[in-house]
Amino acid sequence: MKVWIWPLCLLGLSSAAWGQDYRIAWSPSTKQAAYLDDVKSPLASSWCAPALPLRVVSQKKFDAAALEDFLPAVGELMHKECRRLITLHWQAVDAKGQLQQKGTALSKNGWKVVADQEKTIVLAPENTAPAPAALPSPEMADTTPVSVFDTPDACHFRTYWGNASSAQFFPSGQKMLHCDTQKWLNGSAEPLLYVSGYPLLDLPADAQQKMMSVVSANNQRLILANAAASNSWLILPFDSAVRAWRFKGKMAIQGQAGTDSPSLKTLSQQWGLTGTSIPLNAVTVEKLHPEWRNPAADTLAKADSTDGK
């Protein structure tokens, strides 16, 4: 079975903390995480050595076969960052910190799991610090279908509508509104901006609407992409009071460790956000996850904020 893992701290997270335990890899399929304990920084220069201790935490019932798939992938990931590394002294624990297995893995053997002869299932000694609880897997996005409405002009728009609501919403009659070829409402009707039928709030008037597209939308948040600013997205939380998605300045930027991302000023210009007073707060992610409640939870770093001007 091929195990997909997400490298975390090895890709350059903030190094503000010292002497911390860092989660360096996570497998969503097997619910296993790998930790380097008590290291000064997640940067390879601070922990690289020929031999290292590694702690593997399983959030599900311990599975030796899953460990045999997970550990070699982690070893290969670490070896790419530290060519001096030849030995991992690993221990596998459950979510309560109980030791399940321990052993060694060698580079020359492809980081194959070799467990000690005696399997130890005891709590860690009382004089040692308790193992941190395993991090929960990301919460999945709500999949409630969006409601579709028709204007008197037979143009469609979509939003989420409360069952107990008696409010009425008639966006037609605005000169700046029009239907696209698929009959979805597009254009602006103060104070709303429509993109593919979705009503959006607080985006500036000069936002590059023609370049925008909706990646994903639910009753929690909406993700906007921009053809002029690939690998960056705006994330708008849903405002249930007005049944529209409201821009609050959140942006996700896809990037990799050791590479330069576009400046927020450049992205602000590409998105047409220079006319807003809402601060632009961006995070760098390895990958956007529309299937998660927070699609930018896979955060590598937090970018500097800008007021969009």
C-alpha atoms as a PDB file:
ATOM      1  CA  MET A   1       0.000   0.000   0.000  1.00  0.00           C
ATOM      2  CA  LYS A   2       1.373   3.371  -0.956  1.00  0.00           C
ATOM      3  CA  VAL A   3       1.170   5.868   1.902  1.00  0.00           C
ATOM      4  CA  TRP A   4       0.909   9.562   1.102  1.00  0.00           C
ATOM      5  CA  ILE A   5       2.495  11.824   3.686  1.00  0.00           C
ATOM      6  CA  TRP A   6       2.604  15.573   4.000  1.00  0.00           C
ATOM      7  CA  PRO A   7       5.984  16.991   5.019  1.00  0.00           C
ATOM      8  CA  LEU A   8       5.527  19.752   7.566  1.00  0.00           C
ATOM      9  CA  CYS A   9       8.367  21.270   9.558  1.00  0.00           C
ATOM     10  CA  LEU A  10      11.045  20.095   7.137  1.00  0.00           C
ATOM     11  CA  LEU A  11       9.665  22.576   4.650  1.00  0.00           C
ATOM     12  CA  GLY A  12      10.566  25.650   6.607  1.00  0.00           C
ATOM     13  CA  LEU A  13       8.012  26.497   9.275  1.00  0.00           C
ATOM     14  CA  SER A  14       8.676  29.410  11.588  1.00  0.00           C
ATOM     15  CA  SER A  15      11.662  28.797  13.855  1.00  0.00           C
ATOM     16  CA  ALA A  16      10.631  31.167  16.628  1.00  0.00           C
ATOM     17  CA  ALA A  17      10.359  28.416  19.271  1.00  0.00           C
ATOM     18  CA  TRP A  18      13.378  26.661  20.775  1.00  0.00           C
ATOM     19  CA  GLY A  19      13.644  23.189  22.288  1.00  0.00           C
ATOM     20  CA  GLN A  20      10.255  22.133  20.934  1.00  0.00           C
ATOM     21  CA  ASP A  21       8.693  18.960  19.573  1.00  0.00           C
ATOM     22  CA  TYR A  22       8.005  19.324  15.843  1.00  0.00           C
ATOM     23  CA  ARG A  23       5.622  17.258  13.759  1.00  0.00           C
ATOM     24  CA  ILE A  24       7.525  16.688  10.524  1.00  0.00           C
ATOM     25  CA  ALA A  25       5.157  14.424   8.588  1.00  0.00           C
ATOM     26  CA  TRP A  26       1.513  13.354   8.628  1.00  0.00           C
ATOM     27  CA  SER A  27      -0.334  10.545   6.835  1.00  0.00           C
ATOM     28  CA  PRO A  28      -4.064  11.296   6.514  1.00  0.00           C
ATOM     29  CA  SER A  29      -4.839   7.767   5.315  1.00  0.00           C
ATOM     30  CA  THR A  30      -3.233   5.904   8.248  1.00  0.00           C
ATOM     31  CA  LYS A  31      -3.565   8.713  10.832  1.00  0.00           C
ATOM     32  CA  GLN A  32       0.130   8.576  11.730  1.00  0.00           C
ATOM     33  CA  ALA A  33       2.403  11.490  12.549  1.00  0.00           C
ATOM     34  CA  ALA A  34       6.200  11.636  12.919  1.00  0.00           C
ATOM     35  CA  TYR A  35       7.876  13.918  15.477  1.00  0.00           C
ATOM     36  CA  LEU A  36      11.360  15.217  16.177  1.00  0.00           C
ATOM     37  CA  ASP A  37      11.481  15.939  19.909  1.00  0.00           C
ATOM     38  CA  ASP A  38      13.348  18.719  21.711  1.00  0.00           C
ATOM     39  CA  VAL A  39      15.008  20.325  18.719  1.00  0.00           C
ATOM     40  CA  LYS A  40      15.973  23.982  18.498  1.00  0.00           C
ATOM     41  CA  SER A  41      14.406  24.617  15.118  1.00  0.00           C
ATOM     42  CA  PRO A  42      12.544  22.780  12.348  1.00  0.00           C
ATOM     43  CA  LEU A  43      15.337  23.765   9.945  1.00  0.00           C
ATOM     44  CA  ALA A  44      17.532  20.834   8.925  1.00  0.00           C
ATOM     45  CA  SER A  45      20.670  22.731   9.972  1.00  0.00           C
ATOM     46  CA  SER A  46      19.599  22.512  13.624  1.00  0.00           C
ATOM     47  CA  TRP A  47      18.860  18.769  13.798  1.00  0.00           C
ATOM     48  CA  CYS A  48      20.857  17.116  11.012  1.00  0.00           C
ATOM     49  CA  ALA A  49      23.048  14.299  12.392  1.00  0.00           C
ATOM     50  CA  PRO A  50      24.109  10.751  11.428  1.00  0.00           C
ATOM     51  CA  ALA A  51      21.642   9.245  13.926  1.00  0.00           C
ATOM     52  CA  LEU A  52      18.366  10.709  15.188  1.00  0.00           C
ATOM     53  CA  PRO A  53      15.529   9.679  17.513  1.00  0.00           C
ATOM     54  CA  LEU A  54      12.074   9.676  15.918  1.00  0.00           C
ATOM     55  CA  ARG A  55       8.661   9.311  17.558  1.00  0.00           C
ATOM     56  CA  VAL A  56       5.708   8.004  15.534  1.00  0.00           C
ATOM     57  CA  VAL A  57       2.229   8.617  16.975  1.00  0.00           C
ATOM     58  CA  SER A  58      -0.782   6.649  15.742  1.00  0.00           C
ATOM     59  CA  GLN A  59      -4.236   8.154  16.232  1.00  0.00           C
ATOM     60  CA  LYS A  60      -5.885   4.847  15.356  1.00  0.00           C
ATOM     61  CA  LYS A  61      -5.209   1.399  16.819  1.00  0.00           C
ATOM     62  CA  PHE A  62      -1.534   0.568  16.365  1.00  0.00           C
ATOM     63  CA  ASP A  63      -0.922  -1.247  13.080  1.00  0.00           C
ATOM     64  CA  ALA A  64       2.558  -2.675  12.474  1.00  0.00           C
ATOM     65  CA  ALA A  65       1.890  -3.009   8.735  1.00  0.00           C
ATOM     66  CA  ALA A  66       0.927   0.657   8.482  1.00  0.00           C
ATOM     67  CA  LEU A  67       4.122   1.601  10.314  1.00  0.00           C
ATOM     68  CA  GLU A  68       6.150  -0.450   7.819  1.00  0.00           C
ATOM     69  CA  ASP A  69       4.733   1.701   5.009  1.00  0.00           C
ATOM     70  CA  PHE A  70       4.923   5.029   6.827  1.00  0.00           C
ATOM     71  CA  LEU A  71       8.419   4.965   8.347  1.00  0.00           C
ATOM     72  CA  PRO A  72      10.391   4.411   5.093  1.00  0.00           C
ATOM     73  CA  ALA A  73       8.579   7.363   3.515  1.00  0.00           C
ATOM     74  CA  VAL A  74       9.479   9.558   6.488  1.00  0.00           C
ATOM     75  CA  GLY A  75      13.081   8.364   6.434  1.00  0.00           C
ATOM     76  CA  GLU A  76      13.401   9.204   2.750  1.00  0.00           C
ATOM     77  CA  LEU A  77      11.908  12.647   3.366  1.00  0.00           C
ATOM     78  CA  MET A  78      14.367  13.382   6.190  1.00  0.00           C
ATOM     79  CA  HIS A  79      17.316  12.050   4.192  1.00  0.00           C
ATOM     80  CA  LYS A  80      16.579  14.495   1.379  1.00  0.00           C
ATOM     81  CA  GLU A  81      17.021  17.313   3.893  1.00  0.00           C
ATOM     82  CA  CYS A  82      19.978  15.737   5.731  1.00  0.00           C
ATOM     83  CA  ARG A  83      22.324  13.573   3.658  1.00  0.00           C
ATOM     84  CA  ARG A  84      24.381  12.773   6.776  1.00  0.00           C
ATOM     85  CA  LEU A  85      21.473  10.857   8.277  1.00  0.00           C
ATOM     86  CA  ILE A  86      21.988   7.076   8.188  1.00  0.00           C
ATOM     87  CA  THR A  87      20.145   5.774  11.280  1.00  0.00           C
ATOM     88  CA  LEU A  88      16.746   6.425  12.849  1.00  0.00           C
ATOM     89  CA  HIS A  89      16.117   5.190  16.384  1.00  0.00           C
ATOM     90  CA  TRP A  90      12.333   5.119  16.322  1.00  0.00           C
ATOM     91  CA  GLN A  91       9.588   4.407  18.783  1.00  0.00           C
ATOM     92  CA  ALA A  92       5.908   3.959  17.950  1.00  0.00           C
ATOM     93  CA  VAL A  93       3.306   5.084  20.492  1.00  0.00           C
ATOM     94  CA  ASP A  94      -0.463   5.294  20.544  1.00  0.00           C
ATOM     95  CA  ALA A  95      -2.520   8.446  21.086  1.00  0.00           C
ATOM     96  CA  LYS A  96      -2.199   8.008  24.882  1.00  0.00           C
ATOM     97  CA  GLY A  97       1.589   7.890  24.718  1.00  0.00           C
ATOM     98  CA  GLN A  98       1.856   4.140  25.360  1.00  0.00           C
ATOM     99  CA  LEU A  99       4.857   2.543  23.707  1.00  0.00           C
ATOM    100  CA  GLN A 100       3.891  -0.080  21.121  1.00  0.00           C
ATOM    101  CA  GLN A 101       7.169  -0.831  19.348  1.00  0.00           C
ATOM    102  CA  LYS A 102      10.666   0.520  19.062  1.00  0.00           C
ATOM    103  CA  GLY A 103      13.628  -0.241  16.881  1.00  0.00           C
ATOM    104  CA  THR A 104      15.958   1.111  14.213  1.00  0.00           C
ATOM    105  CA  ALA A 105      15.780   1.975  10.532  1.00  0.00           C
ATOM    106  CA  LEU A 106      18.865   2.331   8.327  1.00  0.00           C
ATOM    107  CA  SER A 107      19.373   4.320   5.154  1.00  0.00           C
ATOM    108  CA  LYS A 108      21.241   1.449   3.490  1.00  0.00           C
ATOM    109  CA  ASN A 109      18.179  -0.774   4.001  1.00  0.00           C
ATOM    110  CA  GLY A 110      15.757   1.752   2.567  1.00  0.00           C
ATOM    111  CA  TRP A 111      14.605   2.756   6.068  1.00  0.00           C
ATOM    112  CA  LYS A 112      12.986  -0.647   6.544  1.00  0.00           C
ATOM    113  CA  VAL A 113      11.348  -1.095   9.945  1.00  0.00           C
ATOM    114  CA  VAL A 114      13.398  -3.348  12.241  1.00  0.00           C
ATOM    115  CA  ALA A 115      11.690  -3.751  15.621  1.00  0.00           C
ATOM    116  CA  ASP A 116      13.417  -4.791  18.826  1.00  0.00           C
ATOM    117  CA  GLN A 117      12.820  -8.400  19.827  1.00  0.00           C
ATOM    118  CA  GLU A 118      10.789  -7.559  22.919  1.00  0.00           C
ATOM    119  CA  LYS A 119       7.624  -5.583  22.255  1.00  0.00           C
ATOM    120  CA  THR A 120       7.127  -3.092  25.050  1.00  0.00           C
ATOM    121  CA  ILE A 121       3.650  -1.832  25.869  1.00  0.00           C
ATOM    122  CA  VAL A 122       4.127   0.304  28.964  1.00  0.00           C
ATOM    123  CA  LEU A 123       3.617   3.915  29.847  1.00  0.00           C
ATOM    124  CA  ALA A 124       6.605   6.185  29.489  1.00  0.00           C
ATOM    125  CA  PRO A 125       8.619   6.568  32.742  1.00  0.00           C
ATOM    126  CA  GLU A 126       7.154   9.086  35.142  1.00  0.00           C
ATOM    127  CA  ASN A 127      10.314  11.197  35.086  1.00  0.00           C
ATOM    128  CA  THR A 128       9.925  11.891  31.375  1.00  0.00           C
ATOM    129  CA  ALA A 129       7.663  14.512  29.873  1.00  0.00           C
ATOM    130  CA  PRO A 130       4.352  13.099  28.602  1.00  0.00           C
ATOM    131  CA  ALA A 131       4.087  12.741  24.848  1.00  0.00           C
ATOM    132  CA  PRO A 132       1.979  15.484  23.275  1.00  0.00           C
ATOM    133  CA  ALA A 133      -1.440  14.384  22.118  1.00  0.00           C
ATOM    134  CA  ALA A 134      -1.660  13.476  18.455  1.00  0.00           C
ATOM    135  CA  LEU A 135      -2.958  16.317  16.321  1.00  0.00           C
ATOM    136  CA  PRO A 136      -6.506  15.838  15.060  1.00  0.00           C
ATOM    137  CA  SER A 137      -7.032  15.268  11.384  1.00  0.00           C
ATOM    138  CA  PRO A 138      -8.417  18.295   9.494  1.00  0.00           C
ATOM    139  CA  GLU A 139     -12.179  18.830   9.725  1.00  0.00           C
ATOM    140  CA  MET A 140     -13.895  18.163   6.437  1.00  0.00           C
ATOM    141  CA  ALA A 141     -15.914  20.843   4.672  1.00  0.00           C
ATOM    142  CA  ASP A 142     -19.712  20.907   4.946  1.00  0.00           C
ATOM    143  CA  THR A 143     -21.345  19.389   1.841  1.00  0.00           C
ATOM    144  CA  THR A 144     -24.857  20.839   2.206  1.00  0.00           C
ATOM    145  CA  PRO A 145     -26.022  21.679  -1.351  1.00  0.00           C
ATOM    146  CA  VAL A 146     -26.346  25.358  -2.216  1.00  0.00           C
ATOM    147  CA  SER A 147     -29.831  26.648  -3.091  1.00  0.00           C
ATOM    148  CA  VAL A 148     -30.427  28.089  -6.568  1.00  0.00           C
ATOM    149  CA  PHE A 149     -32.885  30.950  -7.152  1.00  0.00           C
ATOM    150  CA  ASP A 150     -34.278  32.639 -10.249  1.00  0.00           C
ATOM    151  CA  THR A 151     -34.783  36.362 -10.673  1.00  0.00           C
ATOM    152  CA  PRO A 152     -37.849  37.684 -12.530  1.00  0.00           C
ATOM    153  CA  ASP A 153     -35.530  37.925 -15.546  1.00  0.00           C
ATOM    154  CA  ALA A 154     -34.915  34.128 -15.362  1.00  0.00           C
ATOM    155  CA  CYS A 155     -31.322  34.643 -14.263  1.00  0.00           C
ATOM    156  CA  HIS A 156     -29.918  32.257 -11.648  1.00  0.00           C
ATOM    157  CA  PHE A 157     -28.035  33.013  -8.464  1.00  0.00           C
ATOM    158  CA  ARG A 158     -27.147  30.795  -5.511  1.00  0.00           C
ATOM    159  CA  THR A 159     -26.756  31.078  -1.749  1.00  0.00           C
ATOM    160  CA  TYR A 160     -27.748  29.343   1.497  1.00  0.00           C
ATOM    161  CA  TRP A 161     -31.184  30.183   2.900  1.00  0.00           C
ATOM    162  CA  GLY A 162     -32.363  29.483   6.461  1.00  0.00           C
ATOM    163  CA  ASN A 163     -35.532  27.394   6.794  1.00  0.00           C
ATOM    164  CA  ALA A 164     -37.087  29.821   9.293  1.00  0.00           C
ATOM    165  CA  SER A 165     -36.390  32.934   7.245  1.00  0.00           C
ATOM    166  CA  SER A 166     -39.165  35.010   5.727  1.00  0.00           C
ATOM    167  CA  ALA A 167     -36.841  37.516   4.044  1.00  0.00           C
ATOM    168  CA  GLN A 168     -37.090  38.132   0.320  1.00  0.00           C
ATOM    169  CA  PHE A 169     -34.245  38.957  -2.011  1.00  0.00           C
ATOM    170  CA  PHE A 170     -34.772  40.398  -5.512  1.00  0.00           C
ATOM    171  CA  PRO A 171     -31.426  41.311  -7.101  1.00  0.00           C
ATOM    172  CA  SER A 172     -32.844  42.045 -10.552  1.00  0.00           C
ATOM    173  CA  GLY A 173     -33.490  45.496 -11.953  1.00  0.00           C
ATOM    174  CA  GLN A 174     -29.857  46.577 -11.551  1.00  0.00           C
ATOM    175  CA  LYS A 175     -28.217  47.904 -14.710  1.00  0.00           C
ATOM    176  CA  MET A 176     -24.894  46.246 -13.872  1.00  0.00           C
ATOM    177  CA  LEU A 177     -26.404  42.748 -13.563  1.00  0.00           C
ATOM    178  CA  HIS A 178     -26.471  40.334 -16.463  1.00  0.00           C
ATOM    179  CA  CYS A 179     -26.799  36.630 -17.155  1.00  0.00           C
ATOM    180  CA  ASP A 180     -23.891  34.685 -18.563  1.00  0.00           C
ATOM    181  CA  THR A 181     -24.238  32.023 -21.254  1.00  0.00           C
ATOM    182  CA  GLN A 182     -25.262  29.455 -18.622  1.00  0.00           C
ATOM    183  CA  LYS A 183     -27.878  31.826 -17.162  1.00  0.00           C
ATOM    184  CA  TRP A 184     -25.931  32.457 -13.949  1.00  0.00           C
ATOM    185  CA  LEU A 185     -26.198  35.945 -12.490  1.00  0.00           C
ATOM    186  CA  ASN A 186     -23.054  38.065 -12.909  1.00  0.00           C
ATOM    187  CA  GLY A 187     -22.232  41.686 -12.199  1.00  0.00           C
ATOM    188  CA  SER A 188     -22.579  44.055  -9.260  1.00  0.00           C
ATOM    189  CA  ALA A 189     -25.609  45.297  -7.360  1.00  0.00           C
ATOM    190  CA  GLU A 190     -24.602  47.540  -4.518  1.00  0.00           C
ATOM    191  CA  PRO A 191     -23.237  46.342  -2.159  1.00  0.00           C
ATOM    192  CA  LEU A 192     -22.947  42.847  -3.680  1.00  0.00           C
ATOM    193  CA  LEU A 193     -20.596  41.505  -6.333  1.00  0.00           C
ATOM    194  CA  TYR A 194     -21.719  38.366  -8.173  1.00  0.00           C
ATOM    195  CA  VAL A 195     -19.337  35.726  -9.516  1.00  0.00           C
ATOM    196  CA  SER A 196     -20.977  32.732 -11.223  1.00  0.00           C
ATOM    197  CA  GLY A 197     -24.160  33.422  -9.301  1.00  0.00           C
ATOM    198  CA  TYR A 198     -22.538  33.674  -5.862  1.00  0.00           C
ATOM    199  CA  PRO A 199     -23.146  36.976  -3.996  1.00  0.00           C
ATOM    200  CA  LEU A 200     -19.940  38.409  -2.500  1.00  0.00           C
ATOM    201  CA  LEU A 201     -19.565  41.287  -0.040  1.00  0.00           C
ATOM    202  CA  ASP A 202     -16.804  43.822   0.668  1.00  0.00           C
ATOM    203  CA  LEU A 203     -14.682  43.191  -2.421  1.00  0.00           C
ATOM    204  CA  PRO A 204     -13.580  46.552  -3.888  1.00  0.00           C
ATOM    205  CA  ALA A 205     -15.252  47.888  -7.006  1.00  0.00           C
ATOM    206  CA  ASP A 206     -12.052  47.437  -9.053  1.00  0.00           C
ATOM    207  CA  ALA A 207     -11.667  43.737  -8.145  1.00  0.00           C
ATOM    208  CA  GLN A 208     -10.752  41.721 -11.235  1.00  0.00           C
ATOM    209  CA  GLN A 209     -14.101  39.976 -11.543  1.00  0.00           C
ATOM    210  CA  LYS A 210     -13.579  38.809 -15.126  1.00  0.00           C
ATOM    211  CA  MET A 211     -10.473  36.892 -14.028  1.00  0.00           C
ATOM    212  CA  MET A 212     -12.158  35.286 -11.010  1.00  0.00           C
ATOM    213  CA  SER A 213     -13.684  31.827 -10.723  1.00  0.00           C
ATOM    214  CA  VAL A 214     -15.221  29.920  -7.820  1.00  0.00           C
ATOM    215  CA  VAL A 215     -13.204  26.848  -6.812  1.00  0.00           C
ATOM    216  CA  SER A 216     -15.501  25.681  -4.022  1.00  0.00           C
ATOM    217  CA  ALA A 217     -18.368  27.093  -1.974  1.00  0.00           C
ATOM    218  CA  ASN A 218     -20.430  25.889   0.970  1.00  0.00           C
ATOM    219  CA  ASN A 219     -22.225  27.355   3.971  1.00  0.00           C
ATOM    220  CA  GLN A 220     -18.872  27.866   5.703  1.00  0.00           C
ATOM    221  CA  ARG A 221     -16.672  29.589   3.124  1.00  0.00           C
ATOM    222  CA  LEU A 222     -16.081  30.246  -0.571  1.00  0.00           C
ATOM    223  CA  ILE A 223     -12.772  29.924  -2.425  1.00  0.00           C
ATOM    224  CA  LEU A 224     -11.980  32.305  -5.288  1.00  0.00           C
ATOM    225  CA  ALA A 225      -9.267  31.714  -7.892  1.00  0.00           C
ATOM    226  CA  ASN A 226      -7.792  34.322 -10.236  1.00  0.00           C
ATOM    227  CA  ALA A 227      -6.448  33.520 -13.700  1.00  0.00           C
ATOM    228  CA  ALA A 228      -4.073  36.485 -13.402  1.00  0.00           C
ATOM    229  CA  ALA A 229      -2.680  35.300 -10.057  1.00  0.00           C
ATOM    230  CA  SER A 230      -2.330  31.537 -10.244  1.00  0.00           C
ATOM    231  CA  ASN A 231      -1.474  29.640  -7.066  1.00  0.00           C
ATOM    232  CA  SER A 232      -3.225  32.204  -4.881  1.00  0.00           C
ATOM    233  CA  TRP A 233      -6.794  32.144  -3.613  1.00  0.00           C
ATOM    234  CA  LEU A 234      -9.145  34.340  -1.602  1.00  0.00           C
ATOM    235  CA  ILE A 235     -11.143  32.613   1.145  1.00  0.00           C
ATOM    236  CA  LEU A 236     -14.423  34.342   2.015  1.00  0.00           C
ATOM    237  CA  PRO A 237     -16.396  33.159   5.081  1.00  0.00           C
ATOM    238  CA  PHE A 238     -20.170  32.812   4.675  1.00  0.00           C
ATOM    239  CA  ASP A 239     -22.211  35.506   6.432  1.00  0.00           C
ATOM    240  CA  SER A 240     -25.493  33.795   7.329  1.00  0.00           C
ATOM    241  CA  ALA A 241     -27.095  37.095   8.381  1.00  0.00           C
ATOM    242  CA  VAL A 242     -27.051  38.415   4.810  1.00  0.00           C
ATOM    243  CA  ARG A 243     -26.680  35.060   3.012  1.00  0.00           C
ATOM    244  CA  ALA A 244     -23.569  36.068   1.129  1.00  0.00           C
ATOM    245  CA  TRP A 245     -19.828  35.407   1.328  1.00  0.00           C
ATOM    246  CA  ARG A 246     -17.887  38.295   2.877  1.00  0.00           C
ATOM    247  CA  PHE A 247     -14.291  39.252   2.022  1.00  0.00           C
ATOM    248  CA  LYS A 248     -12.239  39.670   5.208  1.00  0.00           C
ATOM    249  CA  GLY A 249      -8.758  39.738   3.697  1.00  0.00           C
ATOM    250  CA  LYS A 250      -7.803  36.051   3.920  1.00  0.00           C
ATOM    251  CA  MET A 251      -5.549  34.782   1.127  1.00  0.00           C
ATOM    252  CA  ALA A 252      -3.763  31.449   0.633  1.00  0.00           C
ATOM    253  CA  ILE A 253      -0.576  31.283  -1.459  1.00  0.00           C
ATOM    254  CA  GLN A 254       0.842  27.999  -2.690  1.00  0.00           C
ATOM    255  CA  GLY A 255       4.595  27.775  -2.194  1.00  0.00           C
ATOM    256  CA  GLN A 256       7.540  25.546  -1.417  1.00  0.00           C
ATOM    257  CA  ALA A 257      10.366  25.915   1.055  1.00  0.00           C
ATOM    258  CA  GLY A 258      13.342  27.782  -0.368  1.00  0.00           C
ATOM    259  CA  THR A 259      11.368  29.457  -3.140  1.00  0.00           C
ATOM    260  CA  ASP A 260      10.210  33.045  -3.320  1.00  0.00           C
ATOM    261  CA  SER A 261       6.469  33.751  -3.411  1.00  0.00           C
ATOM    262  CA  PRO A 262       5.008  36.842  -5.087  1.00  0.00           C
ATOM    263  CA  SER A 263       4.826  39.840  -2.775  1.00  0.00           C
ATOM    264  CA  LEU A 264       1.472  40.704  -1.241  1.00  0.00           C
ATOM    265  CA  LYS A 265       1.633  44.064  -2.989  1.00  0.00           C
ATOM    266  CA  THR A 266       1.935  42.323  -6.366  1.00  0.00           C
ATOM    267  CA  LEU A 267      -0.885  39.897  -5.563  1.00  0.00           C
ATOM    268  CA  SER A 268      -3.060  42.743  -4.304  1.00  0.00           C
ATOM    269  CA  GLN A 269      -2.619  44.503  -7.649  1.00  0.00           C
ATOM    270  CA  GLN A 270      -3.325  41.331  -9.631  1.00  0.00           C
ATOM    271  CA  TRP A 271      -6.527  40.717  -7.685  1.00  0.00           C
ATOM    272  CA  GLY A 272      -7.591  44.372  -7.900  1.00  0.00           C
ATOM    273  CA  LEU A 273      -7.650  44.776  -4.122  1.00  0.00           C
ATOM    274  CA  THR A 274      -5.706  48.037  -3.924  1.00  0.00           C
ATOM    275  CA  GLY A 275      -8.891  50.013  -3.342  1.00  0.00           C
ATOM    276  CA  THR A 276      -9.897  48.234  -0.140  1.00  0.00           C
ATOM    277  CA  SER A 277      -9.086  49.245   3.420  1.00  0.00           C
ATOM    278  CA  ILE A 278      -9.402  45.644   4.607  1.00  0.00           C
ATOM    279  CA  PRO A 279      -5.924  44.298   5.550  1.00  0.00           C
ATOM    280  CA  LEU A 280      -4.745  41.424   3.374  1.00  0.00           C
ATOM    281  CA  ASN A 281      -3.642  38.499   5.563  1.00  0.00           C
ATOM    282  CA  ALA A 282      -1.941  35.699   3.651  1.00  0.00           C
ATOM    283  CA  VAL A 283      -0.637  32.271   4.595  1.00  0.00           C
ATOM    284  CA  THR A 284       1.662  30.072   2.527  1.00  0.00           C
ATOM    285  CA  VAL A 285       0.414  26.519   2.029  1.00  0.00           C
ATOM    286  CA  GLU A 286       1.943  23.467   0.417  1.00  0.00           C
ATOM    287  CA  LYS A 287      -1.410  22.673  -1.179  1.00  0.00           C
ATOM    288  CA  LEU A 288      -4.933  24.093  -1.090  1.00  0.00           C
ATOM    289  CA  HIS A 289      -7.526  21.637   0.261  1.00  0.00           C
ATOM    290  CA  PRO A 290     -11.064  22.588  -0.886  1.00  0.00           C
ATOM    291  CA  GLU A 291     -12.362  19.419   0.785  1.00  0.00           C
ATOM    292  CA  TRP A 292     -11.444  20.763   4.242  1.00  0.00           C
ATOM    293  CA  ARG A 293     -13.485  23.197   6.339  1.00  0.00           C
ATOM    294  CA  ASN A 294     -10.352  25.372   6.438  1.00  0.00           C
ATOM    295  CA  PRO A 295      -8.813  24.863   2.982  1.00  0.00           C
ATOM    296  CA  ALA A 296      -5.608  26.638   4.081  1.00  0.00           C
ATOM    297  CA  ALA A 297      -4.998  24.495   7.178  1.00  0.00           C
ATOM    298  CA  ASP A 298      -1.916  22.913   5.558  1.00  0.00           C
ATOM    299  CA  THR A 299       0.063  26.032   6.464  1.00  0.00           C
ATOM    300  CA  LEU A 300       3.799  26.351   5.889  1.00  0.00           C
ATOM    301  CA  ALA A 301       4.187  29.962   7.003  1.00  0.00           C
ATOM    302  CA  LYS A 302       2.276  33.186   7.574  1.00  0.00           C
ATOM    303  CA  ALA A 303       3.031  35.982   5.152  1.00  0.00           C
ATOM    304  CA  ASP A 304       3.239  39.619   6.174  1.00  0.00           C
ATOM    305  CA  SER A 305      -0.035  41.542   6.250  1.00  0.00           C
ATOM    306  CA  THR A 306      -0.759  44.453   3.965  1.00  0.00           C
ATOM    307  CA  ASP A 307      -3.530  47.004   3.794  1.00  0.00           C
ATOM    308  CA  GLY A 308      -3.839  46.384   0.046  1.00  0.00           C
ATOM    309  CA  LYS A 309      -2.475  49.815  -0.883  1.00  0.00           C
END
